[in-house]
Amino acid sequence: MRLKLVTATSMLALCLFTAAESAEINQDGADAVKETLTKLLPDDLAKSGFITVNPAGTRYEIIYDLAKLLTKGDPATFTINGLTPFSTFATPLDNGLWNIEGNDTFNVSGHFKDLDQKQTNFTYSIASIVYSGVFDPAISYLRSGTFAVKDVKVASKSEAEEVHASIASMDQKLSSTDTAGGNGRIDFVGSASMSGFVEQVSGLQMPPLEIRASSINVDAKVNGLPAKQIREMIFFMLDHLDEKELSAENTEKIKAIAKEAFPLLTLFSETIGVNDLTVTNEMGKGGAKAFGYNLAIDGPSDAMRFGFGMNAQEISLDTPLMPPKYAPFMPTNFDFQLAVPSLDFASFGDALMKLDVNDGAPEKAGEEMAKKLFRDGRVAIDFPKISAKSQVYDVDMTGRMEGRVDTQKDYSMEATILARDLDKTIAAVQELAKTDPDLNQVSFGIMMVKGFAKTDPDGRSRWDVSISRDGSVAVNGQQIKGPDGPDQDQGLEPDEEQEPDQGQDAVPAPQQQP
């Protein structure tokens, strides 16, 4: 979104501070701040006058006039109206940090043409942008900050598509502490919330679509971030952007910075929650009372764990495309979580330090790097939870799959599947099969599967499934497929009676089904 561009512009300029100025506020100090802000910019941008710094009492006023960056553009190709200057106020503190603050509005309109000379008209307005924070020149980033935005409206219209979006309000918070151990690393914690999100899209090739959410919440955490080293790497790259190939000296220099920065973090986590989500188009309406997403990376550098998940509650779907008889099978809740454990970023980092950045064979290097990240090329994927629930089924699964990064054949799996009210599921499928005979096979398959189940104390049916690397399959300890195919010893002789298993449901074994 362009909102990020506006706030990021002032943040990027502030990030070019390399040292706090004297507490005395004067024109010399203002000129020094301006020189610091523009010294890494191309000459034409530095001399364009889009940054002005003035003394303002006990602080400096940094004025950004972005319109001056567009003076050389072709108005027939791109035009923007209402782009007025905005200010950030910076106050140097005795401890070397800076207080920053700002209070602006934004209201622009214009048009641009794509490569096919097709024109898009746009408008963008923000009723209020208020922010404050503490900036640390040593890391070129904020130590803390609060940001509040109200009444955002965005619209664009072209021959092919029209988009309207609005947000009632957005709030963000950032805080940080030094990582325990005094190694110069920093822990960051951030949160953001958004209310009243609406987006409407229509076009020649698509029917009108509307997406709504009453609120969106984000929480994020980063521990052990080498912010100073990351700053040095960014500045190094800016200094050498024009070089086609790094010299041996500069190659060793960037590797030394990167080595000091590894590991890049000890923990990263992010969760996003969307409430009262609805999606509406001419085919109907769907949504969820709550939708969630989570991502996490943590652990020691030689055994880090990557985790990812999505979940939704009270899912709804109202569309004529869904026949009423199938509606009970649509999940009303689901949860999907997976994790990749034991990622060896320590060995990966060591290999990265030895990598020739000027090497012309990146594919081979990539294969070697993968073998370092996944020890000996072996990878494991954990499934802490996979669940789905509807009116007629309630299923949970946990498990682990192991294999290799260089083949899809060498793998194994251990999984536990739990199902509640399986008879209810079978009955629902059999009822549906009265009008769709093809589902008779599904019904028969579920009954066969039930024949292998055990019953937990809470009444759920359980299947402990094991697939070995040689291809053999066992369910609840009973081998149903050997390395070379189906196990021939599982069938019963015609005159042989099956002894009841106290741990099984009172359902005939699959070999006895008609």
Protein backbone atom coordinates (compact mmCIF):
# COMPACT_ATOMS: atom_id res chain seq x y z
CA MET A 1 0.00 0.00 0.00
CA ARG A 2 1.13 3.54 -0.60
CA LEU A 3 0.73 4.29 3.10
CA LYS A 4 3.80 2.14 3.68
CA LEU A 5 5.62 4.16 1.03
CA VAL A 6 4.83 7.44 2.79
CA THR A 7 5.92 6.35 6.25
CA ALA A 8 8.82 4.33 4.88
CA THR A 9 10.13 7.39 3.05
CA SER A 10 10.59 9.32 6.27
CA MET A 11 11.93 6.25 8.05
CA LEU A 12 14.44 5.54 5.29
CA ALA A 13 15.76 9.07 5.44
CA LEU A 14 16.09 8.87 9.20
CA CYS A 15 17.96 5.60 8.81
CA LEU A 16 20.75 7.49 7.12
CA PHE A 17 21.68 9.21 10.37
CA THR A 18 25.11 7.93 11.40
CA ALA A 19 25.56 9.89 14.61
CA ALA A 20 23.48 12.11 16.82
CA GLU A 21 24.26 15.79 16.51
CA SER A 22 24.99 18.17 19.34
CA ALA A 23 22.11 19.09 21.61
CA GLU A 24 22.52 22.68 20.43
CA ILE A 25 19.95 23.37 17.72
CA ASN A 26 21.22 25.76 15.02
CA GLN A 27 21.56 26.14 11.28
CA ASP A 28 24.96 24.46 11.22
CA GLY A 29 23.42 21.45 12.89
CA ALA A 30 20.53 21.51 10.43
CA ASP A 31 22.97 21.57 7.50
CA ALA A 32 24.88 18.64 9.02
CA VAL A 33 21.66 16.64 9.38
CA LYS A 34 20.73 17.35 5.75
CA GLU A 35 24.18 16.29 4.57
CA THR A 36 23.84 13.05 6.52
CA LEU A 37 20.41 12.38 5.04
CA THR A 38 21.51 12.94 1.45
CA LYS A 39 25.09 11.68 1.34
CA LEU A 40 24.18 8.20 0.09
CA LEU A 41 21.67 9.43 -2.48
CA PRO A 42 22.48 9.92 -6.18
CA ASP A 43 23.65 13.44 -6.92
CA ASP A 44 20.53 14.39 -8.87
CA LEU A 45 18.31 13.36 -5.95
CA ALA A 46 20.56 14.98 -3.33
CA LYS A 47 20.50 18.26 -5.26
CA SER A 48 16.79 18.17 -6.08
CA GLY A 49 15.89 19.93 -2.84
CA PHE A 50 13.28 17.38 -1.82
CA ILE A 51 14.84 17.34 1.68
CA THR A 52 15.08 20.53 3.73
CA VAL A 53 16.20 20.72 7.36
CA ASN A 54 15.51 23.75 9.57
CA PRO A 55 16.06 24.51 13.27
CA ALA A 56 12.69 24.50 15.07
CA GLY A 57 13.12 25.47 18.70
CA THR A 58 14.51 22.48 20.57
CA ARG A 59 14.39 20.16 17.54
CA TYR A 60 14.98 19.95 13.81
CA GLU A 61 12.18 20.00 11.25
CA ILE A 62 12.93 17.69 8.32
CA ILE A 63 10.70 18.56 5.36
CA TYR A 64 10.16 16.09 2.52
CA ASP A 65 8.84 17.60 -0.70
CA LEU A 66 8.35 14.53 -2.87
CA ALA A 67 6.84 16.59 -5.67
CA LYS A 68 10.35 17.84 -6.47
CA LEU A 69 11.35 14.29 -7.36
CA LEU A 70 8.75 14.23 -10.13
CA THR A 71 9.66 17.41 -11.97
CA LYS A 72 11.51 15.54 -14.73
CA GLY A 73 8.69 13.08 -15.33
CA ASP A 74 6.42 13.12 -18.36
CA PRO A 75 3.00 14.45 -17.24
CA ALA A 76 1.37 12.51 -20.06
CA THR A 77 2.64 9.27 -18.52
CA PHE A 78 2.39 10.06 -14.83
CA THR A 79 0.67 12.90 -13.00
CA ILE A 80 -0.02 13.34 -9.29
CA ASN A 81 -1.90 16.21 -7.69
CA GLY A 82 -2.06 17.28 -4.06
CA LEU A 83 1.38 15.95 -3.10
CA THR A 84 2.23 18.56 -0.46
CA PRO A 85 5.38 18.57 1.71
CA PHE A 86 5.27 16.72 5.03
CA SER A 87 7.49 17.04 8.08
CA THR A 88 9.26 14.85 10.58
CA PHE A 89 10.60 16.44 13.75
CA ALA A 90 13.84 15.06 15.22
CA THR A 91 15.20 15.95 18.66
CA PRO A 92 18.73 14.83 19.64
CA LEU A 93 19.00 13.38 23.15
CA ASP A 94 21.94 13.41 25.53
CA ASN A 95 22.30 9.61 25.27
CA GLY A 96 22.93 9.77 21.52
CA LEU A 97 19.43 8.71 20.51
CA TRP A 98 16.84 10.81 18.69
CA ASN A 99 13.18 11.44 19.44
CA ILE A 100 11.15 11.56 16.24
CA GLU A 101 7.53 12.60 15.75
CA GLY A 102 5.15 13.66 13.05
CA ASN A 103 1.52 14.56 12.38
CA ASP A 104 0.38 14.73 8.76
CA THR A 105 -2.44 14.10 6.32
CA PHE A 106 -2.30 12.75 2.80
CA ASN A 107 -4.66 13.39 -0.11
CA VAL A 108 -3.50 12.85 -3.68
CA SER A 109 -4.96 11.96 -7.05
CA GLY A 110 -3.54 11.40 -10.48
CA HIS A 111 -3.02 8.95 -13.30
CA PHE A 112 -0.34 6.75 -14.86
CA LYS A 113 -0.03 4.80 -18.11
CA ASP A 114 1.33 1.29 -18.46
CA LEU A 115 3.56 -0.03 -21.25
CA ASP A 116 0.51 -0.42 -23.49
CA GLN A 117 -0.39 3.25 -22.88
CA LYS A 118 -3.53 2.26 -21.01
CA GLN A 119 -4.37 4.80 -18.33
CA THR A 120 -5.22 4.17 -14.68
CA ASN A 121 -6.66 6.96 -12.52
CA PHE A 122 -6.12 6.84 -8.77
CA THR A 123 -6.95 8.63 -5.54
CA TYR A 124 -5.43 8.07 -2.13
CA SER A 125 -6.26 9.81 1.12
CA ILE A 126 -5.35 9.45 4.80
CA ALA A 127 -7.17 11.72 7.23
CA SER A 128 -4.49 11.43 9.94
CA ILE A 129 -0.95 10.05 10.25
CA VAL A 130 0.51 10.43 13.74
CA TYR A 131 3.74 8.79 14.87
CA SER A 132 6.46 9.09 17.49
CA GLY A 133 9.47 7.02 18.45
CA VAL A 134 13.08 6.77 19.54
CA PHE A 135 15.65 6.34 16.78
CA ASP A 136 19.08 4.76 17.40
CA PRO A 137 21.81 5.92 14.97
CA ALA A 138 24.01 2.96 15.94
CA ILE A 139 21.57 0.55 14.31
CA SER A 140 19.80 3.00 11.94
CA TYR A 141 16.46 1.85 13.25
CA LEU A 142 13.81 2.64 15.84
CA ARG A 143 14.22 1.39 19.37
CA SER A 144 10.54 2.04 20.00
CA GLY A 145 7.62 3.71 18.30
CA THR A 146 3.88 4.17 18.00
CA PHE A 147 2.01 4.84 14.77
CA ALA A 148 -1.67 5.70 14.28
CA VAL A 149 -3.48 6.12 10.98
CA LYS A 150 -7.15 6.96 10.50
CA ASP A 151 -9.59 6.92 7.62
CA VAL A 152 -7.62 5.47 4.70
CA LYS A 153 -9.28 5.49 1.29
CA VAL A 154 -7.75 4.12 -1.92
CA ALA A 155 -9.34 3.96 -5.36
CA SER A 156 -8.08 3.14 -8.85
CA LYS A 157 -9.88 2.83 -12.16
CA SER A 158 -8.72 1.62 -15.57
CA GLU A 159 -10.41 0.27 -18.66
CA ALA A 160 -10.13 -3.27 -17.31
CA GLU A 161 -10.53 -2.95 -13.54
CA GLU A 162 -11.84 -0.76 -10.75
CA VAL A 163 -10.72 -1.05 -7.12
CA HIS A 164 -11.95 0.69 -3.97
CA ALA A 165 -10.52 0.03 -0.51
CA SER A 166 -10.91 1.65 2.89
CA ILE A 167 -9.60 1.19 6.43
CA ALA A 168 -11.19 2.90 9.42
CA SER A 169 -8.01 2.90 11.52
CA MET A 170 -4.59 1.29 11.95
CA ASP A 171 -2.35 1.28 15.02
CA GLN A 172 1.19 -0.08 15.39
CA LYS A 173 3.57 -0.40 18.32
CA LEU A 174 7.25 -1.32 18.49
CA SER A 175 9.52 -1.90 21.48
CA SER A 176 12.98 -3.38 21.97
CA THR A 177 15.45 -4.54 24.59
CA ASP A 178 19.08 -5.64 24.42
CA THR A 179 19.39 -9.40 24.10
CA ALA A 180 20.48 -11.10 27.30
CA GLY A 181 24.19 -11.81 27.31
CA GLY A 182 25.46 -8.41 26.24
CA ASN A 183 26.45 -9.49 22.72
CA GLY A 184 25.14 -6.34 21.06
CA ARG A 185 22.04 -8.02 19.67
CA ILE A 186 18.50 -6.72 20.12
CA ASP A 187 15.06 -8.25 20.78
CA PHE A 188 12.14 -6.53 19.03
CA VAL A 189 8.42 -6.89 19.79
CA GLY A 190 5.78 -5.40 17.52
CA SER A 191 2.02 -5.38 17.20
CA ALA A 192 -0.49 -3.88 14.81
CA SER A 193 -4.25 -3.70 14.53
CA MET A 194 -6.60 -2.64 11.78
CA SER A 195 -10.35 -2.07 11.91
CA GLY A 196 -13.03 -1.65 9.29
CA PHE A 197 -11.28 -3.14 6.26
CA VAL A 198 -13.29 -3.17 3.01
CA GLU A 199 -12.06 -3.87 -0.53
CA GLN A 200 -14.24 -3.93 -3.66
CA VAL A 201 -12.95 -5.09 -7.04
CA SER A 202 -14.74 -5.27 -10.37
CA GLY A 203 -13.63 -5.53 -13.97
CA LEU A 204 -14.35 -6.58 -17.50
CA GLN A 205 -12.99 -10.09 -16.91
CA MET A 206 -14.39 -10.63 -13.42
CA PRO A 207 -17.66 -10.12 -11.54
CA PRO A 208 -17.76 -7.68 -8.60
CA LEU A 209 -15.93 -8.97 -5.54
CA GLU A 210 -16.07 -7.58 -2.00
CA ILE A 211 -13.82 -8.54 0.92
CA ARG A 212 -14.57 -7.34 4.47
CA ALA A 213 -13.02 -7.83 7.90
CA SER A 214 -14.10 -6.16 11.11
CA SER A 215 -10.54 -6.31 12.47
CA ILE A 216 -7.08 -7.65 11.68
CA ASN A 217 -4.46 -8.14 14.41
CA VAL A 218 -0.76 -8.84 14.01
CA ASP A 219 1.82 -9.77 16.65
CA ALA A 220 5.49 -10.25 15.84
CA LYS A 221 8.68 -10.91 17.75
CA VAL A 222 12.35 -11.09 16.73
CA ASN A 223 15.04 -12.10 19.22
CA GLY A 224 18.81 -11.85 18.87
CA LEU A 225 18.79 -9.57 15.81
CA PRO A 226 22.30 -8.30 14.90
CA ALA A 227 20.92 -4.88 13.95
CA LYS A 228 24.31 -3.15 13.78
CA GLN A 229 25.78 -5.77 11.44
CA ILE A 230 22.67 -5.69 9.24
CA ARG A 231 23.10 -1.91 9.00
CA GLU A 232 26.73 -2.40 7.96
CA MET A 233 25.74 -4.93 5.29
CA ILE A 234 23.10 -2.57 3.86
CA PHE A 235 25.55 0.32 3.72
CA PHE A 236 28.17 -1.95 2.15
CA MET A 237 25.74 -2.99 -0.61
CA LEU A 238 24.77 0.63 -1.24
CA ASP A 239 28.45 1.54 -1.56
CA HIS A 240 29.09 -1.21 -4.14
CA LEU A 241 25.88 -1.23 -6.19
CA ASP A 242 27.70 -0.21 -9.36
CA GLU A 243 30.36 -2.92 -9.15
CA LYS A 244 29.80 -5.91 -11.46
CA GLU A 245 32.22 -8.04 -9.43
CA LEU A 246 33.56 -7.55 -5.93
CA SER A 247 37.28 -7.40 -5.39
CA ALA A 248 38.91 -10.06 -3.23
CA GLU A 249 39.35 -7.50 -0.46
CA ASN A 250 35.70 -6.42 -0.53
CA THR A 251 34.56 -10.04 -0.75
CA GLU A 252 36.41 -10.85 2.46
CA LYS A 253 35.04 -7.71 4.06
CA ILE A 254 31.40 -8.53 3.41
CA LYS A 255 31.99 -12.12 4.51
CA ALA A 256 33.51 -10.88 7.77
CA ILE A 257 30.44 -8.71 8.40
CA ALA A 258 28.10 -11.58 7.56
CA LYS A 259 30.03 -14.01 9.77
CA GLU A 260 29.71 -11.63 12.69
CA ALA A 261 25.98 -11.34 12.00
CA PHE A 262 25.30 -15.11 11.99
CA PRO A 263 22.98 -16.37 13.23
CA LEU A 264 20.70 -13.61 11.97
CA LEU A 265 18.25 -14.30 14.78
CA THR A 266 17.44 -16.75 17.54
CA LEU A 267 13.66 -16.43 17.26
CA PHE A 268 11.13 -15.02 14.83
CA SER A 269 7.40 -15.37 15.31
CA GLU A 270 4.39 -13.80 13.65
CA THR A 271 0.68 -14.36 14.12
CA ILE A 272 -2.12 -12.76 12.13
CA GLY A 273 -5.76 -12.95 13.16
CA VAL A 274 -8.66 -11.84 10.95
CA ASN A 275 -12.09 -11.47 12.54
CA ASP A 276 -15.49 -11.56 10.81
CA LEU A 277 -14.03 -12.22 7.39
CA THR A 278 -16.51 -12.24 4.49
CA VAL A 279 -16.01 -12.63 0.74
CA THR A 280 -18.96 -11.82 -1.52
CA ASN A 281 -19.45 -12.06 -5.28
CA GLU A 282 -22.24 -12.92 -7.68
CA MET A 283 -21.84 -16.61 -6.85
CA GLY A 284 -22.65 -16.12 -3.19
CA LYS A 285 -21.07 -15.29 0.15
CA GLY A 286 -18.51 -17.06 2.29
CA GLY A 287 -16.29 -16.33 5.24
CA ALA A 288 -15.24 -17.22 8.74
CA LYS A 289 -15.80 -15.85 12.21
CA ALA A 290 -12.04 -16.05 12.75
CA PHE A 291 -9.12 -16.86 10.48
CA GLY A 292 -5.54 -17.22 11.74
CA TYR A 293 -2.03 -17.58 10.37
CA ASN A 294 1.19 -18.21 12.28
CA LEU A 295 4.88 -18.51 11.45
CA ALA A 296 7.76 -19.23 13.82
CA ILE A 297 11.49 -19.92 13.62
CA ASP A 298 13.36 -20.67 16.83
CA GLY A 299 15.96 -22.83 18.53
CA PRO A 300 19.76 -23.08 18.59
CA SER A 301 21.48 -22.24 15.30
CA ASP A 302 22.43 -25.87 14.63
CA ALA A 303 18.91 -27.19 15.25
CA MET A 304 16.36 -24.51 14.44
CA ARG A 305 12.69 -25.27 13.96
CA PHE A 306 10.48 -23.73 11.27
CA GLY A 307 6.76 -23.81 11.98
CA PHE A 308 3.76 -22.70 9.93
CA GLY A 309 0.03 -22.93 10.43
CA MET A 310 -3.43 -21.77 9.39
CA ASN A 311 -6.79 -22.17 11.07
CA ALA A 312 -10.38 -21.02 10.75
CA GLN A 313 -13.48 -21.19 12.94
CA GLU A 314 -17.16 -20.98 12.11
CA ILE A 315 -16.69 -21.17 8.36
CA SER A 316 -19.77 -20.36 6.33
CA LEU A 317 -20.64 -20.67 2.64
CA ASP A 318 -23.88 -19.58 1.01
CA THR A 319 -23.85 -20.22 -2.73
CA PRO A 320 -26.08 -21.98 -5.27
CA LEU A 321 -22.96 -23.78 -6.47
CA MET A 322 -23.12 -25.88 -3.30
CA PRO A 323 -26.03 -28.37 -3.48
CA PRO A 324 -27.80 -28.49 -0.11
CA LYS A 325 -27.20 -32.24 0.23
CA TYR A 326 -23.43 -31.63 0.18
CA ALA A 327 -23.49 -28.71 2.61
CA PRO A 328 -23.09 -30.89 5.75
CA PHE A 329 -19.70 -32.09 4.43
CA MET A 330 -18.23 -28.59 4.18
CA PRO A 331 -15.82 -28.02 7.11
CA THR A 332 -16.98 -25.50 9.69
CA ASN A 333 -13.57 -25.51 11.44
CA PHE A 334 -10.09 -26.51 10.38
CA ASP A 335 -6.55 -26.30 11.77
CA PHE A 336 -3.38 -27.08 9.84
CA GLN A 337 0.03 -26.94 11.52
CA LEU A 338 3.36 -28.18 10.20
CA ALA A 339 6.97 -27.83 11.30
CA VAL A 340 10.42 -28.58 9.91
CA PRO A 341 12.79 -29.34 12.80
CA SER A 342 16.58 -29.58 13.05
CA LEU A 343 17.54 -27.00 10.44
CA ASP A 344 21.31 -26.57 10.69
CA PHE A 345 21.79 -22.86 10.08
CA ALA A 346 25.20 -23.02 11.76
CA SER A 347 26.63 -25.31 9.06
CA PHE A 348 24.68 -23.38 6.45
CA GLY A 349 26.33 -20.16 7.63
CA ASP A 350 29.79 -21.72 7.60
CA ALA A 351 29.23 -22.92 4.02
CA LEU A 352 27.95 -19.49 3.05
CA MET A 353 31.15 -17.90 4.31
CA LYS A 354 33.17 -20.20 2.03
CA LEU A 355 30.99 -19.51 -1.00
CA ASP A 356 32.54 -17.62 -3.89
CA VAL A 357 30.08 -14.79 -4.50
CA ASN A 358 31.46 -14.40 -8.04
CA ASP A 359 30.99 -18.09 -8.89
CA GLY A 360 29.07 -18.63 -12.10
CA ALA A 361 27.54 -21.99 -11.05
CA PRO A 362 24.83 -21.14 -8.49
CA GLU A 363 22.89 -24.41 -9.03
CA LYS A 364 25.69 -26.60 -7.73
CA ALA A 365 26.30 -24.23 -4.85
CA GLY A 366 22.59 -24.33 -4.01
CA GLU A 367 22.62 -28.14 -3.80
CA GLU A 368 25.58 -28.08 -1.45
CA MET A 369 23.94 -25.40 0.70
CA ALA A 370 20.76 -27.50 0.94
CA LYS A 371 22.77 -30.48 2.20
CA LYS A 372 24.23 -28.25 4.91
CA LEU A 373 20.86 -26.87 5.95
CA PHE A 374 19.29 -30.36 5.98
CA ARG A 375 21.90 -32.63 7.53
CA ASP A 376 23.12 -35.14 4.94
CA GLY A 377 20.20 -34.12 2.71
CA ARG A 378 17.60 -35.69 5.02
CA VAL A 379 14.51 -33.70 5.90
CA ALA A 380 11.74 -34.27 8.42
CA ILE A 381 8.31 -32.65 8.46
CA ASP A 382 6.21 -32.75 11.60
CA PHE A 383 2.45 -32.34 11.60
CA PRO A 384 1.60 -31.32 15.18
CA LYS A 385 -2.07 -30.94 14.26
CA ILE A 386 -4.29 -31.35 11.24
CA SER A 387 -7.98 -31.26 12.00
CA ALA A 388 -11.28 -30.68 10.23
CA LYS A 389 -14.80 -30.62 11.59
CA SER A 390 -18.21 -30.41 9.94
CA GLN A 391 -21.77 -31.41 10.75
CA VAL A 392 -21.00 -35.04 9.87
CA TYR A 393 -17.29 -35.61 10.65
CA ASP A 394 -14.66 -34.65 13.21
CA VAL A 395 -11.12 -35.77 12.31
CA ASP A 396 -7.69 -35.07 13.87
CA MET A 397 -4.27 -36.18 12.69
CA THR A 398 -0.73 -35.86 14.02
CA GLY A 399 2.39 -37.33 12.51
CA ARG A 400 5.86 -37.07 11.03
CA MET A 401 7.24 -37.67 7.56
CA GLU A 402 10.92 -38.18 6.84
CA GLY A 403 12.65 -38.22 3.47
CA ARG A 404 15.40 -36.69 1.38
CA VAL A 405 15.67 -33.38 -0.47
CA ASP A 406 17.00 -35.09 -3.61
CA THR A 407 14.33 -37.79 -4.15
CA GLN A 408 10.63 -38.43 -3.55
CA LYS A 409 10.98 -42.21 -3.17
CA ASP A 410 13.01 -42.61 0.01
CA TYR A 411 10.53 -41.65 2.73
CA SER A 412 8.77 -42.91 5.83
CA MET A 413 5.81 -41.74 7.87
CA GLU A 414 4.31 -42.22 11.31
CA ALA A 415 0.80 -40.84 11.87
CA THR A 416 -2.10 -41.10 14.30
CA ILE A 417 -5.60 -40.44 12.99
CA LEU A 418 -8.57 -39.93 15.30
CA ALA A 419 -12.20 -39.70 14.21
CA ARG A 420 -15.25 -38.98 16.35
CA ASP A 421 -18.74 -40.33 15.52
CA LEU A 422 -17.55 -42.37 12.57
CA ASP A 423 -20.92 -44.11 12.32
CA LYS A 424 -22.51 -40.69 11.79
CA THR A 425 -20.10 -40.05 8.92
CA ILE A 426 -20.85 -43.44 7.33
CA ALA A 427 -24.61 -42.85 7.63
CA ALA A 428 -24.29 -39.40 6.00
CA VAL A 429 -22.30 -40.83 3.09
CA GLN A 430 -24.79 -43.70 2.66
CA GLU A 431 -27.68 -41.23 2.60
CA LEU A 432 -25.92 -39.17 -0.04
CA ALA A 433 -25.17 -42.33 -2.03
CA LYS A 434 -28.92 -42.81 -2.58
CA THR A 435 -28.80 -39.99 -5.11
CA ASP A 436 -25.13 -40.38 -6.09
CA PRO A 437 -24.34 -44.12 -6.49
CA ASP A 438 -20.65 -43.43 -7.03
CA LEU A 439 -20.42 -42.68 -3.30
CA ASN A 440 -21.21 -46.31 -2.47
CA GLN A 441 -17.52 -47.04 -2.94
CA VAL A 442 -16.68 -44.23 -0.51
CA SER A 443 -19.06 -45.65 2.05
CA PHE A 444 -17.58 -49.13 1.63
CA GLY A 445 -14.05 -47.72 1.93
CA ILE A 446 -14.86 -45.94 5.21
CA MET A 447 -16.34 -49.15 6.63
CA MET A 448 -13.20 -51.03 5.65
CA VAL A 449 -11.05 -48.40 7.34
CA LYS A 450 -13.20 -48.63 10.44
CA GLY A 451 -12.48 -52.33 10.55
CA PHE A 452 -8.84 -51.54 11.34
CA ALA A 453 -9.67 -48.98 14.03
CA LYS A 454 -9.22 -49.17 17.76
CA THR A 455 -11.41 -47.26 20.19
CA ASP A 456 -9.95 -44.69 22.59
CA PRO A 457 -11.43 -44.15 26.07
CA ASP A 458 -13.20 -41.00 24.82
CA GLY A 459 -14.97 -43.00 22.10
CA ARG A 460 -12.94 -41.83 19.15
CA SER A 461 -11.71 -44.30 16.54
CA ARG A 462 -7.93 -44.48 16.31
CA TRP A 463 -5.52 -45.54 13.57
CA ASP A 464 -1.77 -45.58 14.22
CA VAL A 465 -0.32 -45.73 10.72
CA SER A 466 3.29 -46.60 9.95
CA ILE A 467 4.84 -46.45 6.46
CA SER A 468 8.43 -47.69 6.33
CA ARG A 469 11.12 -46.66 3.87
CA ASP A 470 10.86 -50.10 2.21
CA GLY A 471 7.19 -49.42 1.37
CA SER A 472 5.61 -51.65 4.02
CA VAL A 473 2.48 -50.32 5.75
CA ALA A 474 1.09 -51.18 9.19
CA VAL A 475 -2.08 -49.97 10.92
CA ASN A 476 -2.42 -50.34 14.67
CA GLY A 477 0.44 -52.82 14.60
CA GLN A 478 -1.16 -54.97 11.89
CA GLN A 479 0.89 -55.16 8.68
CA ILE A 480 -1.40 -54.67 5.69
CA LYS A 481 1.25 -54.24 3.00
CA GLY A 482 4.70 -55.73 2.79
CA PRO A 483 7.74 -54.33 0.99
CA ASP A 484 6.69 -56.03 -2.26
CA GLY A 485 2.95 -55.45 -2.10
CA PRO A 486 -0.12 -56.50 -0.06
CA ASP A 487 0.55 -58.88 2.79
CA GLN A 488 -0.82 -62.27 1.77
CA ASP A 489 -1.24 -63.45 5.35
CA GLN A 490 -3.97 -60.99 6.33
CA GLY A 491 -6.96 -62.82 4.84
CA LEU A 492 -8.94 -65.40 6.86
CA GLU A 493 -9.66 -68.93 5.71
CA PRO A 494 -13.36 -69.53 4.81
CA ASP A 495 -13.91 -71.85 7.78
CA GLU A 496 -11.86 -69.79 10.22
CA GLU A 497 -13.66 -67.67 12.80
CA GLN A 498 -12.19 -64.31 13.76
CA GLU A 499 -11.41 -63.85 17.43
CA PRO A 500 -12.84 -60.53 18.70
CA ASP A 501 -10.26 -57.86 19.58
CA GLN A 502 -11.18 -56.11 22.80
CA GLY A 503 -9.49 -52.97 21.45
CA GLN A 504 -11.60 -52.85 18.26
CA ASP A 505 -15.10 -51.69 17.50
CA ALA A 506 -17.67 -54.41 17.03
CA VAL A 507 -17.40 -54.15 13.24
CA PRO A 508 -16.44 -57.03 10.93
CA ALA A 509 -12.90 -56.99 9.63
CA PRO A 510 -12.58 -55.62 6.09
CA GLN A 511 -12.09 -59.12 4.61
CA GLN A 512 -15.58 -60.08 5.83
CA GLN A 513 -17.42 -57.13 4.30
CA PRO A 514 -19.89 -58.11 1.56
